[in-house]
């Protein structure tokens, strides 16, 4: 399996001299099976550069897995160049939205309203297909088994476990570890804590033993308390997941857009010191736009 990062920033694209080392594009991850089957996780601004490379592979079928519908994870879809070329297929996978009552097809439909984009969906030349997923319900994409897992964010967010030919990876999308919203003195505390514990154990089971975990590590230890409820993780929470789930390598991603490369490296170095353990554990790395992983 091969993974390549095309976008690793969170919330908003942040190009410029202070983000050039790790990249300023928002989330997009290319996954290739050993049979060279193409899976793309999320369609942030990074998907535009990926689409330029894919022009050499026409015609193609691109299976795009959307973690959730916030702009930084979908805003590159209208400019995914293969959509404008006959003979290609874009198969978009994602969650049902209980607020709107629509499936993943709304991710395209909303963005391609004529008030916001000059080309309507009906004018796209590629074949468009939509697959609305059920959390926990595995699907097959070529040789890969893809299992969506419901995680914790202000909108429905699916993490994805991908397994192929004995290799595995998991991407969290945007995820904040579940926590008890009640005070210990509240009558609801114990019952809700049981829900929190069950949810946490379910997430660990979904991640357990993967070769590569790519996780939302937006915040530092100092920042995290003031960001509670925003739906993002920290270096501490992602390292804890990686160790408890016994993964091979942890890639920290969704870098805070106001953090320069220098500040990002400093925050990462401090997180490694804060979470230092003498026992053997996963390799921990910063995700960098353009980096590839072969395993």
C-alpha atoms as a PDB file:
ATOM      1  CA  UNK A   1       0.000   0.000   0.000  1.00  0.00           C
ATOM      2  CA  UNK A   2       1.143   3.540  -0.711  1.00  0.00           C
ATOM      3  CA  UNK A   3      -0.051   6.783   0.897  1.00  0.00           C
ATOM      4  CA  UNK A   4       0.739  10.310  -0.251  1.00  0.00           C
ATOM      5  CA  UNK A   5      -0.203  13.537   1.493  1.00  0.00           C
ATOM      6  CA  UNK A   6      -1.570  16.290  -0.762  1.00  0.00           C
ATOM      7  CA  UNK A   7      -2.920  18.524   1.997  1.00  0.00           C
ATOM      8  CA  UNK A   8      -2.245  18.529   5.748  1.00  0.00           C
ATOM      9  CA  UNK A   9      -3.502  21.901   7.042  1.00  0.00           C
ATOM     10  CA  UNK A  10      -6.768  22.316   8.888  1.00  0.00           C
ATOM     11  CA  UNK A  11      -9.653  24.778   8.660  1.00  0.00           C
ATOM     12  CA  UNK A  12      -8.385  27.035   5.852  1.00  0.00           C
ATOM     13  CA  UNK A  13      -5.646  26.894   3.240  1.00  0.00           C
ATOM     14  CA  UNK A  14      -2.600  28.819   4.463  1.00  0.00           C
ATOM     15  CA  UNK A  15       0.012  29.097   1.701  1.00  0.00           C
ATOM     16  CA  UNK A  16       3.055  31.286   2.080  1.00  0.00           C
ATOM     17  CA  UNK A  17       6.713  31.362   3.123  1.00  0.00           C
ATOM     18  CA  UNK A  18       5.937  30.334   6.707  1.00  0.00           C
ATOM     19  CA  UNK A  19       4.170  27.098   5.685  1.00  0.00           C
ATOM     20  CA  UNK A  20       6.259  26.036   2.701  1.00  0.00           C
ATOM     21  CA  UNK A  21       7.992  23.090   4.404  1.00  0.00           C
ATOM     22  CA  UNK A  22       4.850  21.281   5.539  1.00  0.00           C
ATOM     23  CA  UNK A  23       2.442  22.767   3.023  1.00  0.00           C
ATOM     24  CA  UNK A  24      -0.560  25.057   3.163  1.00  0.00           C
ATOM     25  CA  UNK A  25      -3.250  22.966   1.441  1.00  0.00           C
ATOM     26  CA  UNK A  26      -6.187  21.494   3.322  1.00  0.00           C
ATOM     27  CA  UNK A  27      -6.818  17.801   3.772  1.00  0.00           C
ATOM     28  CA  UNK A  28      -6.346  15.356   0.912  1.00  0.00           C
ATOM     29  CA  UNK A  29      -4.735  11.908   1.114  1.00  0.00           C
ATOM     30  CA  UNK A  30      -4.046   9.604  -1.822  1.00  0.00           C
ATOM     31  CA  UNK A  31      -4.079   5.855  -1.120  1.00  0.00           C
ATOM     32  CA  UNK A  32      -2.931   3.231  -3.627  1.00  0.00           C
ATOM     33  CA  UNK A  33      -3.336  -0.498  -3.150  1.00  0.00           C
ATOM     34  CA  UNK A  34      -0.679  -2.907  -4.375  1.00  0.00           C
ATOM     35  CA  UNK A  35      -2.875  -3.304  -7.467  1.00  0.00           C
ATOM     36  CA  UNK A  36      -2.665   0.499  -7.995  1.00  0.00           C
ATOM     37  CA  UNK A  37      -6.357   1.025  -7.215  1.00  0.00           C
ATOM     38  CA  UNK A  38      -6.983   4.695  -6.391  1.00  0.00           C
ATOM     39  CA  UNK A  39      -8.668   5.855  -3.199  1.00  0.00           C
ATOM     40  CA  UNK A  40      -8.696   9.523  -2.202  1.00  0.00           C
ATOM     41  CA  UNK A  41      -9.578  10.539   1.345  1.00  0.00           C
ATOM     42  CA  UNK A  42     -11.093  14.012   1.539  1.00  0.00           C
ATOM     43  CA  UNK A  43     -11.103  16.710  -1.104  1.00  0.00           C
ATOM     44  CA  UNK A  44      -9.609  19.804   0.448  1.00  0.00           C
ATOM     45  CA  UNK A  45      -7.558  22.195  -1.651  1.00  0.00           C
ATOM     46  CA  UNK A  46      -4.824  19.560  -1.938  1.00  0.00           C
ATOM     47  CA  UNK A  47      -6.933  17.543  -4.363  1.00  0.00           C
ATOM     48  CA  UNK A  48      -6.335  20.119  -7.106  1.00  0.00           C
ATOM     49  CA  UNK A  49      -2.602  19.336  -7.315  1.00  0.00           C
ATOM     50  CA  UNK A  50      -3.386  15.611  -7.191  1.00  0.00           C
ATOM     51  CA  UNK A  51      -5.785  16.020 -10.103  1.00  0.00           C
ATOM     52  CA  UNK A  52      -2.999  17.464 -12.267  1.00  0.00           C
ATOM     53  CA  UNK A  53      -0.933  14.316 -11.736  1.00  0.00           C
ATOM     54  CA  UNK A  54      -3.906  12.064 -12.459  1.00  0.00           C
ATOM     55  CA  UNK A  55      -4.259  13.512 -15.960  1.00  0.00           C
ATOM     56  CA  UNK A  56      -1.558  11.043 -17.001  1.00  0.00           C
ATOM     57  CA  UNK A  57      -3.837   8.117 -16.032  1.00  0.00           C
ATOM     58  CA  UNK A  58      -6.936   8.839 -18.114  1.00  0.00           C
ATOM     59  CA  UNK A  59      -9.449   7.313 -18.129  1.00  0.00           C
ATOM     60  CA  UNK A  60      -9.682   6.722 -14.406  1.00  0.00           C
ATOM     61  CA  UNK A  61     -12.071   5.854 -11.619  1.00  0.00           C
ATOM     62  CA  UNK A  62     -11.494   7.897  -8.488  1.00  0.00           C
ATOM     63  CA  UNK A  63     -13.082   6.595  -5.292  1.00  0.00           C
ATOM     64  CA  UNK A  64     -13.248   9.610  -2.974  1.00  0.00           C
ATOM     65  CA  UNK A  65     -14.014   9.049   0.707  1.00  0.00           C
ATOM     66  CA  UNK A  66     -15.355  12.152   2.443  1.00  0.00           C
ATOM     67  CA  UNK A  67     -14.897  12.217   6.215  1.00  0.00           C
ATOM     68  CA  UNK A  68     -17.327  15.122   6.696  1.00  0.00           C
ATOM     69  CA  UNK A  69     -18.769  18.082   4.875  1.00  0.00           C
ATOM     70  CA  UNK A  70     -16.901  21.030   6.381  1.00  0.00           C
ATOM     71  CA  UNK A  71     -15.382  23.264   3.700  1.00  0.00           C
ATOM     72  CA  UNK A  72     -11.737  22.432   4.308  1.00  0.00           C
ATOM     73  CA  UNK A  73     -12.459  18.772   3.489  1.00  0.00           C
ATOM     74  CA  UNK A  74     -14.584  19.261   0.353  1.00  0.00           C
ATOM     75  CA  UNK A  75     -13.707  22.609  -1.235  1.00  0.00           C
ATOM     76  CA  UNK A  76     -11.394  21.128  -3.870  1.00  0.00           C
ATOM     77  CA  UNK A  77     -14.046  18.891  -5.453  1.00  0.00           C
ATOM     78  CA  UNK A  78     -15.378  21.457  -7.971  1.00  0.00           C
ATOM     79  CA  UNK A  79     -11.841  21.862  -9.353  1.00  0.00           C
ATOM     80  CA  UNK A  80     -10.987  18.160  -9.530  1.00  0.00           C
ATOM     81  CA  UNK A  81      -9.917  18.241 -13.179  1.00  0.00           C
ATOM     82  CA  UNK A  82     -10.912  14.651 -14.153  1.00  0.00           C
ATOM     83  CA  UNK A  83     -14.549  15.675 -13.539  1.00  0.00           C
ATOM     84  CA  UNK A  84     -14.412  17.707 -16.761  1.00  0.00           C
ATOM     85  CA  UNK A  85     -13.101  14.891 -18.987  1.00  0.00           C
ATOM     86  CA  UNK A  86     -15.374  12.261 -20.601  1.00  0.00           C
ATOM     87  CA  UNK A  87     -14.628   8.648 -19.752  1.00  0.00           C
ATOM     88  CA  UNK A  88     -13.700   9.260 -16.122  1.00  0.00           C
ATOM     89  CA  UNK A  89     -15.744   8.272 -13.073  1.00  0.00           C
ATOM     90  CA  UNK A  90     -15.874  10.050  -9.724  1.00  0.00           C
ATOM     91  CA  UNK A  91     -17.420   7.807  -7.082  1.00  0.00           C
ATOM     92  CA  UNK A  92     -18.058   9.901  -3.979  1.00  0.00           C
ATOM     93  CA  UNK A  93     -18.519   8.091  -0.650  1.00  0.00           C
ATOM     94  CA  UNK A  94     -19.702   9.682   2.578  1.00  0.00           C
ATOM     95  CA  UNK A  95     -22.258   9.874   5.347  1.00  0.00           C
ATOM     96  CA  UNK A  96     -25.969  10.573   5.463  1.00  0.00           C
ATOM     97  CA  UNK A  97     -26.639  14.031   6.895  1.00  0.00           C
ATOM     98  CA  UNK A  98     -29.429  13.843   9.504  1.00  0.00           C
ATOM     99  CA  UNK A  99     -29.808  17.638   9.519  1.00  0.00           C
ATOM    100  CA  UNK A 100     -30.561  18.052   5.808  1.00  0.00           C
ATOM    101  CA  UNK A 101     -31.908  14.541   5.277  1.00  0.00           C
ATOM    102  CA  UNK A 102     -29.603  14.108   2.271  1.00  0.00           C
ATOM    103  CA  UNK A 103     -26.875  11.659   1.394  1.00  0.00           C
ATOM    104  CA  UNK A 104     -23.343  12.406   0.240  1.00  0.00           C
ATOM    105  CA  UNK A 105     -24.635  13.760  -3.075  1.00  0.00           C
ATOM    106  CA  UNK A 106     -25.292  17.107  -1.348  1.00  0.00           C
ATOM    107  CA  UNK A 107     -21.519  17.649  -1.040  1.00  0.00           C
ATOM    108  CA  UNK A 108     -21.411  18.264  -4.797  1.00  0.00           C
ATOM    109  CA  UNK A 109     -24.868  19.747  -5.202  1.00  0.00           C
ATOM    110  CA  UNK A 110     -24.350  22.529  -2.656  1.00  0.00           C
ATOM    111  CA  UNK A 111     -20.956  23.578  -4.016  1.00  0.00           C
ATOM    112  CA  UNK A 112     -22.091  23.549  -7.639  1.00  0.00           C
ATOM    113  CA  UNK A 113     -24.994  25.920  -7.169  1.00  0.00           C
ATOM    114  CA  UNK A 114     -24.676  28.466  -9.948  1.00  0.00           C
ATOM    115  CA  UNK A 115     -24.437  31.352  -7.478  1.00  0.00           C
ATOM    116  CA  UNK A 116     -21.141  29.950  -6.178  1.00  0.00           C
ATOM    117  CA  UNK A 117     -19.559  28.119  -9.114  1.00  0.00           C
ATOM    118  CA  UNK A 118     -19.837  28.776 -12.866  1.00  0.00           C
ATOM    119  CA  UNK A 119     -20.343  25.147 -13.921  1.00  0.00           C
ATOM    120  CA  UNK A 120     -23.413  23.146 -12.955  1.00  0.00           C
ATOM    121  CA  UNK A 121     -23.205  19.485 -11.985  1.00  0.00           C
ATOM    122  CA  UNK A 122     -25.134  18.527 -15.131  1.00  0.00           C
ATOM    123  CA  UNK A 123     -22.352  20.084 -17.215  1.00  0.00           C
ATOM    124  CA  UNK A 124     -19.584  17.889 -15.791  1.00  0.00           C
ATOM    125  CA  UNK A 125     -18.308  15.396 -18.364  1.00  0.00           C
ATOM    126  CA  UNK A 126     -17.262  12.572 -16.047  1.00  0.00           C
ATOM    127  CA  UNK A 127     -19.671  10.015 -14.673  1.00  0.00           C
ATOM    128  CA  UNK A 128     -20.727  10.984 -11.140  1.00  0.00           C
ATOM    129  CA  UNK A 129     -21.722   8.262  -8.670  1.00  0.00           C
ATOM    130  CA  UNK A 130     -22.693   8.613  -5.006  1.00  0.00           C
ATOM    131  CA  UNK A 131     -22.398   6.019  -2.253  1.00  0.00           C
ATOM    132  CA  UNK A 132     -23.912   6.874   1.124  1.00  0.00           C
ATOM    133  CA  UNK A 133     -22.180   4.824   3.797  1.00  0.00           C
ATOM    134  CA  UNK A 134     -23.372   3.250   7.031  1.00  0.00           C
ATOM    135  CA  UNK A 135     -20.968   3.471  10.003  1.00  0.00           C
ATOM    136  CA  UNK A 136     -19.500   0.033  10.640  1.00  0.00           C
ATOM    137  CA  UNK A 137     -20.661  -1.285   7.263  1.00  0.00           C
ATOM    138  CA  UNK A 138     -17.603  -2.324   5.265  1.00  0.00           C
ATOM    139  CA  UNK A 139     -17.494  -1.914   1.493  1.00  0.00           C
ATOM    140  CA  UNK A 140     -15.109  -3.271  -1.104  1.00  0.00           C
ATOM    141  CA  UNK A 141     -13.135  -1.007  -3.435  1.00  0.00           C
ATOM    142  CA  UNK A 142     -11.145  -3.356  -5.620  1.00  0.00           C
ATOM    143  CA  UNK A 143      -8.826  -5.288  -3.344  1.00  0.00           C
ATOM    144  CA  UNK A 144      -9.384  -2.862  -0.453  1.00  0.00           C
ATOM    145  CA  UNK A 145     -11.873  -3.285   2.374  1.00  0.00           C
ATOM    146  CA  UNK A 146     -13.023   0.112   3.617  1.00  0.00           C
ATOM    147  CA  UNK A 147     -14.788   0.403   6.969  1.00  0.00           C
ATOM    148  CA  UNK A 148     -16.313   3.767   7.964  1.00  0.00           C
ATOM    149  CA  UNK A 149     -16.336   4.499  11.697  1.00  0.00           C
ATOM    150  CA  UNK A 150     -18.411   7.210  13.365  1.00  0.00           C
ATOM    151  CA  UNK A 151     -16.125   9.591  15.250  1.00  0.00           C
ATOM    152  CA  UNK A 152     -16.709  12.822  17.206  1.00  0.00           C
ATOM    153  CA  UNK A 153     -17.096  16.206  15.493  1.00  0.00           C
ATOM    154  CA  UNK A 154     -19.835  18.871  15.406  1.00  0.00           C
ATOM    155  CA  UNK A 155     -21.136  17.289  12.182  1.00  0.00           C
ATOM    156  CA  UNK A 156     -21.220  13.615  11.230  1.00  0.00           C
ATOM    157  CA  UNK A 157     -17.592  12.584  10.734  1.00  0.00           C
ATOM    158  CA  UNK A 158     -16.470   9.205   9.438  1.00  0.00           C
ATOM    159  CA  UNK A 159     -13.022   7.843  10.107  1.00  0.00           C
ATOM    160  CA  UNK A 160     -11.874   5.227   7.604  1.00  0.00           C
ATOM    161  CA  UNK A 161     -10.030   1.966   8.111  1.00  0.00           C
ATOM    162  CA  UNK A 162      -8.590   0.670   4.825  1.00  0.00           C
ATOM    163  CA  UNK A 163      -7.210  -2.865   4.572  1.00  0.00           C
ATOM    164  CA  UNK A 164      -5.639  -4.474   1.524  1.00  0.00           C
ATOM    165  CA  UNK A 165      -3.273  -7.415   1.030  1.00  0.00           C
ATOM    166  CA  UNK A 166      -2.492  -7.694   4.728  1.00  0.00           C
ATOM    167  CA  UNK A 167      -1.771  -3.959   5.167  1.00  0.00           C
ATOM    168  CA  UNK A 168      -3.924  -1.428   6.965  1.00  0.00           C
ATOM    169  CA  UNK A 169      -4.337   2.265   7.703  1.00  0.00           C
ATOM    170  CA  UNK A 170      -6.815   4.486   9.539  1.00  0.00           C
ATOM    171  CA  UNK A 171      -7.609   8.176   9.070  1.00  0.00           C
ATOM    172  CA  UNK A 172      -9.635   9.957  11.735  1.00  0.00           C
ATOM    173  CA  UNK A 173     -10.732  13.011   9.796  1.00  0.00           C
ATOM    174  CA  UNK A 174     -11.575  15.710  12.350  1.00  0.00           C
ATOM    175  CA  UNK A 175     -11.994  14.049  15.726  1.00  0.00           C
ATOM    176  CA  UNK A 176     -12.129  15.070  19.376  1.00  0.00           C
ATOM    177  CA  UNK A 177     -12.044  12.192  21.868  1.00  0.00           C
ATOM    178  CA  UNK A 178     -15.490  11.890  23.469  1.00  0.00           C
ATOM    179  CA  UNK A 179     -15.802  13.309  26.984  1.00  0.00           C
ATOM    180  CA  UNK A 180     -18.462  13.602  29.655  1.00  0.00           C
ATOM    181  CA  UNK A 181     -20.485  16.781  29.230  1.00  0.00           C
ATOM    182  CA  UNK A 182     -21.922  16.516  32.765  1.00  0.00           C
ATOM    183  CA  UNK A 183     -20.360  17.381  36.124  1.00  0.00           C
ATOM    184  CA  UNK A 184     -19.680  14.439  38.438  1.00  0.00           C
ATOM    185  CA  UNK A 185     -22.392  15.720  40.790  1.00  0.00           C
ATOM    186  CA  UNK A 186     -25.053  15.611  38.056  1.00  0.00           C
ATOM    187  CA  UNK A 187     -27.513  12.722  38.043  1.00  0.00           C
ATOM    188  CA  UNK A 188     -26.758  12.077  34.367  1.00  0.00           C
ATOM    189  CA  UNK A 189     -22.994  11.773  34.858  1.00  0.00           C
ATOM    190  CA  UNK A 190     -22.718   8.008  35.426  1.00  0.00           C
ATOM    191  CA  UNK A 191     -24.980   7.020  32.551  1.00  0.00           C
ATOM    192  CA  UNK A 192     -23.243   9.381  30.147  1.00  0.00           C
ATOM    193  CA  UNK A 193     -19.826   8.196  31.287  1.00  0.00           C
ATOM    194  CA  UNK A 194     -20.808   4.670  30.314  1.00  0.00           C
ATOM    195  CA  UNK A 195     -21.636   5.964  26.819  1.00  0.00           C
ATOM    196  CA  UNK A 196     -18.296   7.810  26.654  1.00  0.00           C
ATOM    197  CA  UNK A 197     -16.358   4.704  27.718  1.00  0.00           C
ATOM    198  CA  UNK A 198     -18.138   2.478  25.208  1.00  0.00           C
ATOM    199  CA  UNK A 199     -17.556   5.010  22.427  1.00  0.00           C
ATOM    200  CA  UNK A 200     -13.857   5.289  23.289  1.00  0.00           C
ATOM    201  CA  UNK A 201     -13.417   1.520  23.319  1.00  0.00           C
ATOM    202  CA  UNK A 202     -15.178   1.219  19.970  1.00  0.00           C
ATOM    203  CA  UNK A 203     -12.811   3.752  18.420  1.00  0.00           C
ATOM    204  CA  UNK A 204      -9.772   1.936  19.789  1.00  0.00           C
ATOM    205  CA  UNK A 205     -11.054  -1.361  18.362  1.00  0.00           C
ATOM    206  CA  UNK A 206     -11.488   0.264  14.954  1.00  0.00           C
ATOM    207  CA  UNK A 207      -7.929   1.625  14.996  1.00  0.00           C
ATOM    208  CA  UNK A 208      -6.272  -1.356  16.660  1.00  0.00           C
ATOM    209  CA  UNK A 209      -3.173  -2.746  15.034  1.00  0.00           C
ATOM    210  CA  UNK A 210      -3.128  -0.649  11.860  1.00  0.00           C
ATOM    211  CA  UNK A 211       0.222  -0.135  10.196  1.00  0.00           C
ATOM    212  CA  UNK A 212      -0.423   3.602   9.756  1.00  0.00           C
ATOM    213  CA  UNK A 213      -2.656   5.903  11.805  1.00  0.00           C
ATOM    214  CA  UNK A 214      -3.228   9.432  10.453  1.00  0.00           C
ATOM    215  CA  UNK A 215      -4.860  11.510  13.173  1.00  0.00           C
ATOM    216  CA  UNK A 216      -6.198  15.002  13.847  1.00  0.00           C
ATOM    217  CA  UNK A 217      -3.627  16.725  16.079  1.00  0.00           C
ATOM    218  CA  UNK A 218      -4.717  20.328  15.759  1.00  0.00           C
ATOM    219  CA  UNK A 219      -3.842  21.532  19.238  1.00  0.00           C
ATOM    220  CA  UNK A 220      -1.108  21.527  21.838  1.00  0.00           C
ATOM    221  CA  UNK A 221      -1.598  20.483  25.462  1.00  0.00           C
ATOM    222  CA  UNK A 222      -1.933  24.141  26.462  1.00  0.00           C
ATOM    223  CA  UNK A 223      -4.458  24.989  23.722  1.00  0.00           C
ATOM    224  CA  UNK A 224      -6.698  21.961  24.058  1.00  0.00           C
ATOM    225  CA  UNK A 225      -8.731  22.891  27.188  1.00  0.00           C
ATOM    226  CA  UNK A 226      -9.974  26.156  25.650  1.00  0.00           C
ATOM    227  CA  UNK A 227     -10.981  24.335  22.440  1.00  0.00           C
ATOM    228  CA  UNK A 228     -13.226  21.729  24.069  1.00  0.00           C
ATOM    229  CA  UNK A 229     -16.269  21.044  21.920  1.00  0.00           C
ATOM    230  CA  UNK A 230     -14.646  22.296  18.714  1.00  0.00           C
ATOM    231  CA  UNK A 231     -14.237  18.715  17.504  1.00  0.00           C
ATOM    232  CA  UNK A 232     -10.469  18.396  17.174  1.00  0.00           C
ATOM    233  CA  UNK A 233      -7.731  16.392  18.816  1.00  0.00           C
ATOM    234  CA  UNK A 234      -4.357  17.292  20.245  1.00  0.00           C
ATOM    235  CA  UNK A 235      -0.880  15.832  20.064  1.00  0.00           C
ATOM    236  CA  UNK A 236      -1.523  14.226  23.459  1.00  0.00           C
ATOM    237  CA  UNK A 237      -4.818  12.586  22.503  1.00  0.00           C
ATOM    238  CA  UNK A 238      -3.529  11.239  19.189  1.00  0.00           C
ATOM    239  CA  UNK A 239      -0.357   9.822  20.745  1.00  0.00           C
ATOM    240  CA  UNK A 240      -2.504   8.161  23.404  1.00  0.00           C
ATOM    241  CA  UNK A 241      -4.698   6.581  20.701  1.00  0.00           C
ATOM    242  CA  UNK A 242      -1.648   5.329  18.810  1.00  0.00           C
ATOM    243  CA  UNK A 243      -0.140   3.708  21.885  1.00  0.00           C
ATOM    244  CA  UNK A 244      -3.345   2.179  23.202  1.00  0.00           C
ATOM    245  CA  UNK A 245      -4.287   0.826  19.771  1.00  0.00           C
ATOM    246  CA  UNK A 246      -0.755  -0.509  19.178  1.00  0.00           C
ATOM    247  CA  UNK A 247      -0.339   1.018  15.736  1.00  0.00           C
ATOM    248  CA  UNK A 248       2.878   0.985  13.731  1.00  0.00           C
ATOM    249  CA  UNK A 249       3.282   4.648  12.770  1.00  0.00           C
ATOM    250  CA  UNK A 250       1.335   7.749  13.798  1.00  0.00           C
ATOM    251  CA  UNK A 251       1.187  10.709  11.402  1.00  0.00           C
ATOM    252  CA  UNK A 252       0.018  13.930  13.047  1.00  0.00           C
ATOM    253  CA  UNK A 253      -2.028  16.072  10.659  1.00  0.00           C
ATOM    254  CA  UNK A 254      -4.663  18.845  10.358  1.00  0.00           C
ATOM    255  CA  UNK A 255      -2.019  21.365  11.348  1.00  0.00           C
ATOM    256  CA  UNK A 256      -3.373  24.566  12.873  1.00  0.00           C
ATOM    257  CA  UNK A 257      -3.424  27.114  10.001  1.00  0.00           C
ATOM    258  CA  UNK A 258      -1.941  29.960  12.044  1.00  0.00           C
ATOM    259  CA  UNK A 259       1.040  27.828  13.076  1.00  0.00           C
ATOM    260  CA  UNK A 260       4.172  28.433  11.023  1.00  0.00           C
ATOM    261  CA  UNK A 261       6.421  25.519  10.106  1.00  0.00           C
ATOM    262  CA  UNK A 262       8.881  26.570  12.804  1.00  0.00           C
ATOM    263  CA  UNK A 263       6.116  26.777  15.405  1.00  0.00           C
ATOM    264  CA  UNK A 264       4.715  23.425  14.252  1.00  0.00           C
ATOM    265  CA  UNK A 265       8.069  21.728  14.698  1.00  0.00           C
ATOM    266  CA  UNK A 266       8.484  23.314  18.123  1.00  0.00           C
ATOM    267  CA  UNK A 267       5.010  22.159  19.212  1.00  0.00           C
ATOM    268  CA  UNK A 268       5.740  18.656  17.935  1.00  0.00           C
ATOM    269  CA  UNK A 269       9.087  18.480  19.734  1.00  0.00           C
ATOM    270  CA  UNK A 270       7.430  19.560  22.976  1.00  0.00           C
ATOM    271  CA  UNK A 271       4.676  16.972  22.525  1.00  0.00           C
ATOM    272  CA  UNK A 272       7.269  14.215  22.145  1.00  0.00           C
ATOM    273  CA  UNK A 273       8.935  15.377  25.378  1.00  0.00           C
ATOM    274  CA  UNK A 274       5.601  15.560  27.192  1.00  0.00           C
ATOM    275  CA  UNK A 275       4.679  12.049  26.053  1.00  0.00           C
ATOM    276  CA  UNK A 276       8.070  10.403  26.374  1.00  0.00           C
ATOM    277  CA  UNK A 277       7.876   6.759  27.422  1.00  0.00           C
ATOM    278  CA  UNK A 278      10.773   4.354  27.888  1.00  0.00           C
ATOM    279  CA  UNK A 279       8.830   1.427  26.463  1.00  0.00           C
ATOM    280  CA  UNK A 280       8.658   0.563  22.783  1.00  0.00           C
ATOM    281  CA  UNK A 281       5.880   2.407  21.012  1.00  0.00           C
ATOM    282  CA  UNK A 282       4.781   3.646  17.592  1.00  0.00           C
ATOM    283  CA  UNK A 283       6.948   5.835  15.412  1.00  0.00           C
ATOM    284  CA  UNK A 284       5.472   9.370  15.592  1.00  0.00           C
ATOM    285  CA  UNK A 285       5.841  11.794  12.691  1.00  0.00           C
ATOM    286  CA  UNK A 286       4.479  15.079  11.374  1.00  0.00           C
ATOM    287  CA  UNK A 287       2.494  14.742   8.142  1.00  0.00           C
ATOM    288  CA  UNK A 288       4.087  16.798   5.385  1.00  0.00           C
ATOM    289  CA  UNK A 289       2.499  17.750   2.063  1.00  0.00           C
ATOM    290  CA  UNK A 290       4.181  15.739  -0.703  1.00  0.00           C
ATOM    291  CA  UNK A 291       5.476  12.955   1.540  1.00  0.00           C
ATOM    292  CA  UNK A 292       4.811   9.360   0.497  1.00  0.00           C
ATOM    293  CA  UNK A 293       4.635   6.211   2.601  1.00  0.00           C
ATOM    294  CA  UNK A 294       5.234   2.755   1.104  1.00  0.00           C
ATOM    295  CA  UNK A 295       4.517  -0.191   3.353  1.00  0.00           C
END
